[in-house]
PDB file of N, CA and C in Angstrom:
ATOM      1  N   MET A   1      13.004 111.190  57.944  1.00  0.00           N
ATOM      2  CA  MET A   1      12.226 110.094  58.497  1.00  0.00           C
ATOM      3  C   MET A   1      11.095 109.750  57.534  1.00  0.00           C
ATOM      4  N   LYS A   2      10.856 108.477  57.309  1.00  0.00           N
ATOM      5  CA  LYS A   2       9.790 108.040  56.405  1.00  0.00           C
ATOM      6  C   LYS A   2       8.444 108.302  57.043  1.00  0.00           C
ATOM      7  N   ASN A   3       7.437 108.560  56.161  1.00  0.00           N
ATOM      8  CA  ASN A   3       6.103 108.740  56.734  1.00  0.00           C
ATOM      9  C   ASN A   3       5.523 107.380  57.106  1.00  0.00           C
ATOM     10  N   THR A   4       4.437 107.380  57.856  1.00  0.00           N
ATOM     11  CA  THR A   4       3.860 106.148  58.393  1.00  0.00           C
ATOM     12  C   THR A   4       3.463 105.170  57.301  1.00  0.00           C
ATOM     13  N   ALA A   5       2.842 105.646  56.221  1.00  0.00           N
ATOM     14  CA  ALA A   5       2.380 104.742  55.162  1.00  0.00           C
ATOM     15  C   ALA A   5       3.556 103.999  54.536  1.00  0.00           C
ATOM     16  N   GLN A   6       4.639 104.697  54.257  1.00  0.00           N
ATOM     17  CA  GLN A   6       5.800 104.051  53.657  1.00  0.00           C
ATOM     18  C   GLN A   6       6.442 103.082  54.636  1.00  0.00           C
ATOM     19  N   ARG A   7       6.558 103.470  55.871  1.00  0.00           N
ATOM     20  CA  ARG A   7       7.211 102.647  56.868  1.00  0.00           C
ATOM     21  C   ARG A   7       6.450 101.340  57.081  1.00  0.00           C
ATOM     22  N   ASP A   8       5.130 101.397  56.958  1.00  0.00           N
ATOM     23  CA  ASP A   8       4.305 100.234  57.236  1.00  0.00           C
ATOM     24  C   ASP A   8       4.158  99.279  56.051  1.00  0.00           C
ATOM     25  N   LEU A   9       4.580  99.673  54.849  1.00  0.00           N
ATOM     26  CA  LEU A   9       4.485  98.776  53.702  1.00  0.00           C
ATOM     27  C   LEU A   9       5.487  97.642  53.849  1.00  0.00           C
ATOM     28  N   PHE A  10       5.048  96.429  53.578  1.00  0.00           N
ATOM     29  CA  PHE A  10       5.964  95.295  53.618  1.00  0.00           C
ATOM     30  C   PHE A  10       6.738  95.234  52.310  1.00  0.00           C
ATOM     31  N   PRO A  11       7.878  94.559  52.300  1.00  0.00           N
ATOM     32  CA  PRO A  11       8.682  94.486  51.071  1.00  0.00           C
ATOM     33  C   PRO A  11       7.865  93.907  49.913  1.00  0.00           C
ATOM     34  N   GLY A  12       7.910  94.583  48.787  1.00  0.00           N
ATOM     35  CA  GLY A  12       7.190  94.137  47.604  1.00  0.00           C
ATOM     36  C   GLY A  12       5.792  94.706  47.471  1.00  0.00           C
ATOM     37  N   ALA A  13       5.282  95.362  48.507  1.00  0.00           N
ATOM     38  CA  ALA A  13       3.913  95.890  48.467  1.00  0.00           C
ATOM     39  C   ALA A  13       3.772  96.978  47.409  1.00  0.00           C
ATOM     40  N   LEU A  14       4.726  97.884  47.342  1.00  0.00           N
ATOM     41  CA  LEU A  14       4.642  98.971  46.369  1.00  0.00           C
ATOM     42  C   LEU A  14       4.656  98.408  44.952  1.00  0.00           C
ATOM     43  N   GLU A  15       5.560  97.476  44.695  1.00  0.00           N
ATOM     44  CA  GLU A  15       5.639  96.881  43.367  1.00  0.00           C
ATOM     45  C   GLU A  15       4.336  96.184  43.005  1.00  0.00           C
ATOM     46  N   MET A  16       3.736  95.469  43.978  1.00  0.00           N
ATOM     47  CA  MET A  16       2.477  94.775  43.736  1.00  0.00           C
ATOM     48  C   MET A  16       1.366  95.782  43.411  1.00  0.00           C
ATOM     49  N   MET A  17       1.319  96.894  44.129  1.00  0.00           N
ATOM     50  CA  MET A  17       0.296  97.906  43.862  1.00  0.00           C
ATOM     51  C   MET A  17       0.506  98.563  42.505  1.00  0.00           C
ATOM     52  N   VAL A  18       1.764  98.793  42.133  1.00  0.00           N
ATOM     53  CA  VAL A  18       2.060  99.379  40.825  1.00  0.00           C
ATOM     54  C   VAL A  18       1.620  98.424  39.721  1.00  0.00           C
ATOM     55  N   LEU A  19       1.985  97.143  39.847  1.00  0.00           N
ATOM     56  CA  LEU A  19       1.591  96.163  38.832  1.00  0.00           C
ATOM     57  C   LEU A  19       0.071  96.085  38.720  1.00  0.00           C
ATOM     58  N   ARG A  20      -0.616  96.075  39.852  1.00  0.00           N
ATOM     59  CA  ARG A  20      -2.086  95.989  39.839  1.00  0.00           C
ATOM     60  C   ARG A  20      -2.696  97.215  39.187  1.00  0.00           C
ATOM     61  N   THR A  21      -2.157  98.371  39.477  1.00  0.00           N
ATOM     62  CA  THR A  21      -2.661  99.609  38.875  1.00  0.00           C
ATOM     63  C   THR A  21      -2.432  99.606  37.372  1.00  0.00           C
ATOM     64  N   LEU A  22      -1.259  99.153  36.948  1.00  0.00           N
ATOM     65  CA  LEU A  22      -0.954  99.125  35.511  1.00  0.00           C
ATOM     66  C   LEU A  22      -1.743  98.047  34.780  1.00  0.00           C
ATOM     67  N   LYS A  23      -2.273  97.081  35.505  1.00  0.00           N
ATOM     68  CA  LYS A  23      -3.127  96.064  34.866  1.00  0.00           C
ATOM     69  C   LYS A  23      -4.384  96.730  34.313  1.00  0.00           C
ATOM     70  N   ARG A  24      -4.852  97.762  35.001  1.00  0.00           N
ATOM     71  CA  ARG A  24      -6.040  98.506  34.555  1.00  0.00           C
ATOM     72  C   ARG A  24      -5.756  99.280  33.282  1.00  0.00           C
ATOM     73  N   GLN A  25      -4.604  99.985  33.265  1.00  0.00           N
ATOM     74  CA  GLN A  25      -4.241 100.813  32.111  1.00  0.00           C
ATOM     75  C   GLN A  25      -2.827 101.338  32.269  1.00  0.00           C
ATOM     76  N   PRO A  26      -2.154 101.624  31.154  1.00  0.00           N
ATOM     77  CA  PRO A  26      -0.827 102.244  31.241  1.00  0.00           C
ATOM     78  C   PRO A  26      -0.941 103.653  31.837  1.00  0.00           C
ATOM     79  N   LEU A  27       0.025 104.013  32.664  1.00  0.00           N
ATOM     80  CA  LEU A  27       0.011 105.326  33.319  1.00  0.00           C
ATOM     81  C   LEU A  27       1.428 105.858  33.475  1.00  0.00           C
ATOM     82  N   HIS A  28       1.534 107.162  33.678  1.00  0.00           N
ATOM     83  CA  HIS A  28       2.830 107.754  34.035  1.00  0.00           C
ATOM     84  C   HIS A  28       2.942 107.793  35.558  1.00  0.00           C
ATOM     85  N   GLY A  29       4.135 108.077  36.047  1.00  0.00           N
ATOM     86  CA  GLY A  29       4.419 107.989  37.475  1.00  0.00           C
ATOM     87  C   GLY A  29       3.487 108.781  38.366  1.00  0.00           C
ATOM     88  N   TYR A  30       3.247 110.044  38.036  1.00  0.00           N
ATOM     89  CA  TYR A  30       2.382 110.873  38.883  1.00  0.00           C
ATOM     90  C   TYR A  30       0.972 110.294  38.934  1.00  0.00           C
ATOM     91  N   ALA A  31       0.469 109.804  37.799  1.00  0.00           N
ATOM     92  CA  ALA A  31      -0.869 109.210  37.762  1.00  0.00           C
ATOM     93  C   ALA A  31      -0.919 107.935  38.607  1.00  0.00           C
ATOM     94  N   LEU A  32       0.170 107.165  38.616  1.00  0.00           N
ATOM     95  CA  LEU A  32       0.244 105.969  39.470  1.00  0.00           C
ATOM     96  C   LEU A  32       0.102 106.358  40.939  1.00  0.00           C
ATOM     97  N   VAL A  33       0.861 107.355  41.349  1.00  0.00           N
ATOM     98  CA  VAL A  33       0.822 107.822  42.735  1.00  0.00           C
ATOM     99  C   VAL A  33      -0.585 108.282  43.101  1.00  0.00           C
ATOM    100  N   GLN A  34      -1.201 109.055  42.220  1.00  0.00           N
ATOM    101  CA  GLN A  34      -2.540 109.576  42.498  1.00  0.00           C
ATOM    102  C   GLN A  34      -3.569 108.446  42.572  1.00  0.00           C
ATOM    103  N   HIS A  35      -3.458 107.452  41.695  1.00  0.00           N
ATOM    104  CA  HIS A  35      -4.409 106.329  41.726  1.00  0.00           C
ATOM    105  C   HIS A  35      -4.276 105.546  43.035  1.00  0.00           C
ATOM    106  N   ILE A  36      -3.046 105.254  43.446  1.00  0.00           N
ATOM    107  CA  ILE A  36      -2.840 104.519  44.702  1.00  0.00           C
ATOM    108  C   ILE A  36      -3.389 105.322  45.881  1.00  0.00           C
ATOM    109  N   LYS A  37      -3.141 106.610  45.870  1.00  0.00           N
ATOM    110  CA  LYS A  37      -3.631 107.474  46.946  1.00  0.00           C
ATOM    111  C   LYS A  37      -5.161 107.468  46.986  1.00  0.00           C
ATOM    112  N   ARG A  38      -5.803 107.663  45.831  1.00  0.00           N
ATOM    113  CA  ARG A  38      -7.269 107.679  45.776  1.00  0.00           C
ATOM    114  C   ARG A  38      -7.855 106.319  46.147  1.00  0.00           C
ATOM    115  N   SER A  39      -7.278 105.255  45.607  1.00  0.00           N
ATOM    116  CA  SER A  39      -7.796 103.905  45.848  1.00  0.00           C
ATOM    117  C   SER A  39      -7.722 103.510  47.318  1.00  0.00           C
ATOM    118  N   SER A  40      -6.743 104.063  48.027  1.00  0.00           N
ATOM    119  CA  SER A  40      -6.581 103.734  49.447  1.00  0.00           C
ATOM    120  C   SER A  40      -7.281 104.745  50.353  1.00  0.00           C
ATOM    121  N   ASN A  41      -8.131 105.601  49.771  1.00  0.00           N
ATOM    122  CA  ASN A  41      -8.789 106.668  50.541  1.00  0.00           C
ATOM    123  C   ASN A  41      -7.765 107.517  51.292  1.00  0.00           C
ATOM    124  N   ASP A  42      -6.681 107.824  50.624  1.00  0.00           N
ATOM    125  CA  ASP A  42      -5.598 108.672  51.150  1.00  0.00           C
ATOM    126  C   ASP A  42      -4.812 108.046  52.293  1.00  0.00           C
ATOM    127  N   LEU A  43      -4.961 106.741  52.521  1.00  0.00           N
ATOM    128  CA  LEU A  43      -4.179 106.073  53.569  1.00  0.00           C
ATOM    129  C   LEU A  43      -2.736 105.858  53.122  1.00  0.00           C
ATOM    130  N   LEU A  44      -2.538 105.648  51.821  1.00  0.00           N
ATOM    131  CA  LEU A  44      -1.191 105.415  51.294  1.00  0.00           C
ATOM    132  C   LEU A  44      -0.767 106.610  50.461  1.00  0.00           C
ATOM    133  N   GLN A  45       0.381 107.162  50.800  1.00  0.00           N
ATOM    134  CA  GLN A  45       0.933 108.278  50.052  1.00  0.00           C
ATOM    135  C   GLN A  45       2.342 107.885  49.636  1.00  0.00           C
ATOM    136  N   ILE A  46       2.488 107.575  48.376  1.00  0.00           N
ATOM    137  CA  ILE A  46       3.761 107.102  47.847  1.00  0.00           C
ATOM    138  C   ILE A  46       4.591 108.294  47.394  1.00  0.00           C
ATOM    139  N   GLU A  47       5.817 108.351  47.857  1.00  0.00           N
ATOM    140  CA  GLU A  47       6.730 109.434  47.484  1.00  0.00           C
ATOM    141  C   GLU A  47       7.490 109.066  46.221  1.00  0.00           C
ATOM    142  N   GLU A  48       7.871 110.074  45.446  1.00  0.00           N
ATOM    143  CA  GLU A  48       8.647 109.851  44.226  1.00  0.00           C
ATOM    144  C   GLU A  48       9.929 109.082  44.520  1.00  0.00           C
ATOM    145  N   GLY A  49      10.524 109.340  45.673  1.00  0.00           N
ATOM    146  CA  GLY A  49      11.765 108.672  46.059  1.00  0.00           C
ATOM    147  C   GLY A  49      11.600 107.175  46.263  1.00  0.00           C
ATOM    148  N   SER A  50      10.363 106.715  46.423  1.00  0.00           N
ATOM    149  CA  SER A  50      10.074 105.283  46.517  1.00  0.00           C
ATOM    150  C   SER A  50       9.555 104.745  45.189  1.00  0.00           C
ATOM    151  N   LEU A  51       8.712 105.526  44.516  1.00  0.00           N
ATOM    152  CA  LEU A  51       8.073 105.058  43.298  1.00  0.00           C
ATOM    153  C   LEU A  51       9.068 104.807  42.173  1.00  0.00           C
ATOM    154  N   TYR A  52       9.905 105.787  41.871  1.00  0.00           N
ATOM    155  CA  TYR A  52      10.755 105.657  40.688  1.00  0.00           C
ATOM    156  C   TYR A  52      11.811 104.554  40.815  1.00  0.00           C
ATOM    157  N   PRO A  53      12.400 104.345  41.972  1.00  0.00           N
ATOM    158  CA  PRO A  53      13.276 103.172  42.097  1.00  0.00           C
ATOM    159  C   PRO A  53      12.506 101.860  41.914  1.00  0.00           C
ATOM    160  N   ALA A  54      11.265 101.803  42.408  1.00  0.00           N
ATOM    161  CA  ALA A  54      10.443 100.601  42.227  1.00  0.00           C
ATOM    162  C   ALA A  54      10.152 100.390  40.743  1.00  0.00           C
ATOM    163  N   LEU A  55       9.822 101.460  40.036  1.00  0.00           N
ATOM    164  CA  LEU A  55       9.575 101.343  38.600  1.00  0.00           C
ATOM    165  C   LEU A  55      10.831 100.877  37.863  1.00  0.00           C
ATOM    166  N   GLN A  56      11.989 101.371  38.272  1.00  0.00           N
ATOM    167  CA  GLN A  56      13.235 100.937  37.636  1.00  0.00           C
ATOM    168  C   GLN A  56      13.485  99.448  37.866  1.00  0.00           C
ATOM    169  N   ARG A  57      13.191  98.967  39.071  1.00  0.00           N
ATOM    170  CA  ARG A  57      13.338  97.532  39.342  1.00  0.00           C
ATOM    171  C   ARG A  57      12.391  96.718  38.467  1.00  0.00           C
ATOM    172  N   LEU A  58      11.158  97.190  38.330  1.00  0.00           N
ATOM    173  CA  LEU A  58      10.176  96.492  37.501  1.00  0.00           C
ATOM    174  C   LEU A  58      10.576  96.501  36.031  1.00  0.00           C
ATOM    175  N   LEU A  59      11.150  97.611  35.572  1.00  0.00           N
ATOM    176  CA  LEU A  59      11.647  97.680  34.195  1.00  0.00           C
ATOM    177  C   LEU A  59      12.797  96.699  33.985  1.00  0.00           C
ATOM    178  N   LYS A  60      13.713  96.667  34.932  1.00  0.00           N
ATOM    179  CA  LYS A  60      14.883  95.784  34.832  1.00  0.00           C
ATOM    180  C   LYS A  60      14.459  94.310  34.789  1.00  0.00           C
ATOM    181  N   GLU A  61      13.421  93.968  35.543  1.00  0.00           N
ATOM    182  CA  GLU A  61      12.924  92.593  35.569  1.00  0.00           C
ATOM    183  C   GLU A  61      11.968  92.311  34.410  1.00  0.00           C
ATOM    184  N   GLU A  62      11.740  93.316  33.560  1.00  0.00           N
ATOM    185  CA  GLU A  62      10.846  93.227  32.399  1.00  0.00           C
ATOM    186  C   GLU A  62       9.405  92.890  32.785  1.00  0.00           C
ATOM    187  N   LEU A  63       8.988  93.403  33.947  1.00  0.00           N
ATOM    188  CA  LEU A  63       7.610  93.237  34.406  1.00  0.00           C
ATOM    189  C   LEU A  63       6.739  94.385  33.916  1.00  0.00           C
ATOM    190  N   VAL A  64       7.389  95.501  33.588  1.00  0.00           N
ATOM    191  CA  VAL A  64       6.724  96.633  32.942  1.00  0.00           C
ATOM    192  C   VAL A  64       7.627  97.116  31.809  1.00  0.00           C
ATOM    193  N   GLU A  65       7.020  97.837  30.884  1.00  0.00           N
ATOM    194  CA  GLU A  65       7.781  98.497  29.835  1.00  0.00           C
ATOM    195  C   GLU A  65       7.372  99.955  29.832  1.00  0.00           C
ATOM    196  N   ALA A  66       8.203 100.798  29.258  1.00  0.00           N
ATOM    197  CA  ALA A  66       7.921 102.232  29.280  1.00  0.00           C
ATOM    198  C   ALA A  66       8.188 102.840  27.908  1.00  0.00           C
ATOM    199  N   LYS A  67       7.397 103.853  27.601  1.00  0.00           N
ATOM    200  CA  LYS A  67       7.638 104.634  26.390  1.00  0.00           C
ATOM    201  C   LYS A  67       7.291 106.086  26.702  1.00  0.00           C
ATOM    202  N   TRP A  68       7.858 106.976  25.928  1.00  0.00           N
ATOM    203  CA  TRP A  68       7.601 108.389  26.143  1.00  0.00           C
ATOM    204  C   TRP A  68       6.268 108.767  25.524  1.00  0.00           C
ATOM    205  N   GLY A  69       5.546 109.638  26.219  1.00  0.00           N
ATOM    206  CA  GLY A  69       4.262 110.125  25.734  1.00  0.00           C
ATOM    207  C   GLY A  69       4.014 111.525  26.265  1.00  0.00           C
ATOM    208  N   ILE A  70       2.808 112.016  26.049  1.00  0.00           N
ATOM    209  CA  ILE A  70       2.423 113.360  26.489  1.00  0.00           C
ATOM    210  C   ILE A  70       1.280 113.231  27.492  1.00  0.00           C
ATOM    211  N   SER A  71       1.409 113.912  28.619  1.00  0.00           N
ATOM    212  CA  SER A  71       0.379 113.869  29.664  1.00  0.00           C
ATOM    213  C   SER A  71      -0.806 114.748  29.294  1.00  0.00           C
ATOM    214  N   ALA A  72      -1.844 114.680  30.098  1.00  0.00           N
ATOM    215  CA  ALA A  72      -3.036 115.515  29.904  1.00  0.00           C
ATOM    216  C   ALA A  72      -2.696 116.995  30.030  1.00  0.00           C
ATOM    217  N   THR A  73      -1.609 117.298  30.744  1.00  0.00           N
ATOM    218  CA  THR A  73      -1.182 118.692  30.904  1.00  0.00           C
ATOM    219  C   THR A  73      -0.115 119.074  29.882  1.00  0.00           C
ATOM    220  N   ASN A  74      -0.003 118.257  28.830  1.00  0.00           N
ATOM    221  CA  ASN A  74       0.897 118.519  27.710  1.00  0.00           C
ATOM    222  C   ASN A  74       2.380 118.493  28.096  1.00  0.00           C
ATOM    223  N   ARG A  75       2.719 117.623  29.033  1.00  0.00           N
ATOM    224  CA  ARG A  75       4.113 117.447  29.433  1.00  0.00           C
ATOM    225  C   ARG A  75       4.620 116.111  28.923  1.00  0.00           C
ATOM    226  N   ARG A  76       5.896 116.044  28.641  1.00  0.00           N
ATOM    227  CA  ARG A  76       6.510 114.796  28.208  1.00  0.00           C
ATOM    228  C   ARG A  76       6.677 113.900  29.438  1.00  0.00           C
ATOM    229  N   VAL A  77       6.104 112.700  29.376  1.00  0.00           N
ATOM    230  CA  VAL A  77       6.137 111.783  30.510  1.00  0.00           C
ATOM    231  C   VAL A  77       6.481 110.380  30.024  1.00  0.00           C
ATOM    232  N   ARG A  78       6.972 109.581  30.930  1.00  0.00           N
ATOM    233  CA  ARG A  78       7.241 108.185  30.635  1.00  0.00           C
ATOM    234  C   ARG A  78       6.018 107.386  31.070  1.00  0.00           C
ATOM    235  N   ILE A  79       5.423 106.672  30.135  1.00  0.00           N
ATOM    236  CA  ILE A  79       4.205 105.912  30.406  1.00  0.00           C
ATOM    237  C   ILE A  79       4.582 104.445  30.564  1.00  0.00           C
ATOM    238  N   TYR A  80       4.147 103.870  31.682  1.00  0.00           N
ATOM    239  CA  TYR A  80       4.489 102.493  32.035  1.00  0.00           C
ATOM    240  C   TYR A  80       3.322 101.570  31.709  1.00  0.00           C
ATOM    241  N   LYS A  81       3.652 100.389  31.207  1.00  0.00           N
ATOM    242  CA  LYS A  81       2.652  99.405  30.796  1.00  0.00           C
ATOM    243  C   LYS A  81       3.051  98.037  31.337  1.00  0.00           C
ATOM    244  N   LEU A  82       2.081  97.289  31.817  1.00  0.00           N
ATOM    245  CA  LEU A  82       2.304  95.947  32.338  1.00  0.00           C
ATOM    246  C   LEU A  82       2.651  94.997  31.192  1.00  0.00           C
ATOM    247  N   THR A  83       3.647  94.135  31.407  1.00  0.00           N
ATOM    248  CA  THR A  83       3.994  93.111  30.424  1.00  0.00           C
ATOM    249  C   THR A  83       3.298  91.808  30.803  1.00  0.00           C
ATOM    250  N   ALA A  84       3.351  90.825  29.911  1.00  0.00           N
ATOM    251  CA  ALA A  84       2.771  89.508  30.219  1.00  0.00           C
ATOM    252  C   ALA A  84       3.468  88.909  31.439  1.00  0.00           C
ATOM    253  N   ALA A  85       4.792  89.064  31.509  1.00  0.00           N
ATOM    254  CA  ALA A  85       5.536  88.555  32.671  1.00  0.00           C
ATOM    255  C   ALA A  85       5.095  89.277  33.944  1.00  0.00           C
ATOM    256  N   GLY A  86       4.805  90.575  33.837  1.00  0.00           N
ATOM    257  CA  GLY A  86       4.331  91.344  34.982  1.00  0.00           C
ATOM    258  C   GLY A  86       2.970  90.874  35.452  1.00  0.00           C
ATOM    259  N   ALA A  87       2.094  90.519  34.516  1.00  0.00           N
ATOM    260  CA  ALA A  87       0.762  90.026  34.873  1.00  0.00           C
ATOM    261  C   ALA A  87       0.872  88.694  35.611  1.00  0.00           C
ATOM    262  N   LYS A  88       1.776  87.823  35.164  1.00  0.00           N
ATOM    263  CA  LYS A  88       1.977  86.537  35.835  1.00  0.00           C
ATOM    264  C   LYS A  88       2.538  86.744  37.231  1.00  0.00           C
ATOM    265  N   ARG A  89       3.519  87.639  37.358  1.00  0.00           N
ATOM    266  CA  ARG A  89       4.100  87.927  38.670  1.00  0.00           C
ATOM    267  C   ARG A  89       3.046  88.494  39.602  1.00  0.00           C
ATOM    268  N   LEU A  90       2.216  89.393  39.096  1.00  0.00           N
ATOM    269  CA  LEU A  90       1.157  89.990  39.910  1.00  0.00           C
ATOM    270  C   LEU A  90       0.233  88.907  40.453  1.00  0.00           C
ATOM    271  N   GLU A  91      -0.161  87.982  39.614  1.00  0.00           N
ATOM    272  CA  GLU A  91      -1.042  86.898  40.042  1.00  0.00           C
ATOM    273  C   GLU A  91      -0.404  86.087  41.167  1.00  0.00           C
ATOM    274  N   ARG A  92       0.865  85.751  41.023  1.00  0.00           N
ATOM    275  CA  ARG A  92       1.570  84.987  42.067  1.00  0.00           C
ATOM    276  C   ARG A  92       1.685  85.792  43.354  1.00  0.00           C
ATOM    277  N   GLU A  93       2.047  87.055  43.239  1.00  0.00           N
ATOM    278  CA  GLU A  93       2.239  87.898  44.424  1.00  0.00           C
ATOM    279  C   GLU A  93       0.930  88.108  45.178  1.00  0.00           C
ATOM    280  N   VAL A  94      -0.154  88.340  44.454  1.00  0.00           N
ATOM    281  CA  VAL A  94      -1.450  88.551  45.109  1.00  0.00           C
ATOM    282  C   VAL A  94      -1.885  87.272  45.813  1.00  0.00           C
ATOM    283  N   SER A  95      -1.702  86.144  45.172  1.00  0.00           N
ATOM    284  CA  SER A  95      -2.062  84.868  45.780  1.00  0.00           C
ATOM    285  C   SER A  95      -1.256  84.630  47.061  1.00  0.00           C
ATOM    286  N   SER A  96       0.031  84.889  47.004  1.00  0.00           N
ATOM    287  CA  SER A  96       0.903  84.740  48.167  1.00  0.00           C
ATOM    288  C   SER A  96       0.486  85.703  49.276  1.00  0.00           C
ATOM    289  N   PHE A  97       0.186  86.943  48.902  1.00  0.00           N
ATOM    290  CA  PHE A  97      -0.238  87.944  49.879  1.00  0.00           C
ATOM    291  C   PHE A  97      -1.548  87.533  50.556  1.00  0.00           C
ATOM    292  N   GLU A  98      -2.488  87.020  49.764  1.00  0.00           N
ATOM    293  CA  GLU A  98      -3.776  86.611  50.337  1.00  0.00           C
ATOM    294  C   GLU A  98      -3.599  85.472  51.338  1.00  0.00           C
ATOM    295  N   ARG A  99      -2.708  84.524  51.040  1.00  0.00           N
ATOM    296  CA  ARG A  99      -2.441  83.433  51.995  1.00  0.00           C
ATOM    297  C   ARG A  99      -1.808  83.979  53.269  1.00  0.00           C
ATOM    298  N   MET A 100      -0.850  84.901  53.115  1.00  0.00           N
ATOM    299  CA  MET A 100      -0.204  85.494  54.269  1.00  0.00           C
ATOM    300  C   MET A 100      -1.222  86.267  55.117  1.00  0.00           C
ATOM    301  N   LEU A 101      -2.079  87.037  54.456  1.00  0.00           N
ATOM    302  CA  LEU A 101      -3.090  87.816  55.164  1.00  0.00           C
ATOM    303  C   LEU A 101      -4.061  86.898  55.912  1.00  0.00           C
ATOM    304  N   GLN A 102      -4.422  85.782  55.305  1.00  0.00           N
ATOM    305  CA  GLN A 102      -5.307  84.821  55.968  1.00  0.00           C
ATOM    306  C   GLN A 102      -4.652  84.280  57.240  1.00  0.00           C
ATOM    307  N   GLY A 103      -3.367  83.957  57.149  1.00  0.00           N
ATOM    308  CA  GLY A 103      -2.650  83.463  58.324  1.00  0.00           C
ATOM    309  C   GLY A 103      -2.575  84.507  59.422  1.00  0.00           C
ATOM    310  N   ILE A 104      -2.278  85.741  59.053  1.00  0.00           N
ATOM    311  CA  ILE A 104      -2.198  86.822  60.049  1.00  0.00           C
ATOM    312  C   ILE A 104      -3.557  87.043  60.691  1.00  0.00           C
ATOM    313  N   THR A 105      -4.601  87.034  59.881  1.00  0.00           N
ATOM    314  CA  THR A 105      -5.964  87.225  60.392  1.00  0.00           C
ATOM    315  C   THR A 105      -6.320  86.138  61.397  1.00  0.00           C
ATOM    316  N   GLN A 106      -5.937  84.906  61.104  1.00  0.00           N
ATOM    317  CA  GLN A 106      -6.228  83.805  62.019  1.00  0.00           C
ATOM    318  C   GLN A 106      -5.470  83.974  63.343  1.00  0.00           C
ATOM    319  N   VAL A 107      -4.229  84.413  63.255  1.00  0.00           N
ATOM    320  CA  VAL A 107      -3.448  84.607  64.490  1.00  0.00           C
ATOM    321  C   VAL A 107      -4.012  85.756  65.312  1.00  0.00           C
ATOM    322  N   LEU A 108      -4.471  86.795  64.660  1.00  0.00           N
ATOM    323  CA  LEU A 108      -4.983  87.978  65.384  1.00  0.00           C
ATOM    324  C   LEU A 108      -6.423  87.816  65.858  1.00  0.00           C
ATOM    325  N   ALA A 109      -7.140  86.837  65.355  1.00  0.00           N
ATOM    326  CA  ALA A 109      -8.543  86.645  65.744  1.00  0.00           C
ATOM    327  C   ALA A 109      -8.644  86.326  67.234  1.00  0.00           C
ATOM    328  N   PRO A 110      -9.687  86.856  67.866  1.00  0.00           N
ATOM    329  CA  PRO A 110      -9.857  86.542  69.300  1.00  0.00           C
ATOM    330  C   PRO A 110     -10.080  85.039  69.469  1.00  0.00           C
ATOM    331  N   GLU A 111      -9.529  84.528  70.534  1.00  0.00           N
ATOM    332  CA  GLU A 111      -9.698  83.098  70.817  1.00  0.00           C
ATOM    333  C   GLU A 111     -11.124  82.814  71.225  1.00  0.00           C
ATOM    334  N   LYS A 112     -11.604  81.658  70.798  1.00  0.00           N
ATOM    335  CA  LYS A 112     -12.968  81.261  71.146  1.00  0.00           C
ATOM    336  C   LYS A 112     -12.956  80.640  72.541  1.00  0.00           C
ATOM    337  N   ALA A 113     -13.957  81.003  73.323  1.00  0.00           N
ATOM    338  CA  ALA A 113     -14.039  80.524  74.706  1.00  0.00           C
ATOM    339  C   ALA A 113     -14.438  79.072  74.800  1.00  0.00           C
TER     340      ALA A 113
END
């Protein structure tokens, strides 16, 4: 059974968070997971079984690129970097998400008397 954080993510949310995180700096998978977890005050816990397929989709769409490197713990890791196409997609996705969130907020707002 999926945990609550994963179950509650809407389609594309993980990819959007990965792209946004990689906009800051290139990272390997474990560092991506830790950044998302810290940034959300531990509300979002991304599992490897969700992250790596998402990264593969982003690689296939050429929204990120990857190269082998060495982690801070001296392990061989794949480091992911945002591409120009990924930055453009991120901008569109965030804009779309903000419009959707505004609409949801308006529907959920208490009615004025």
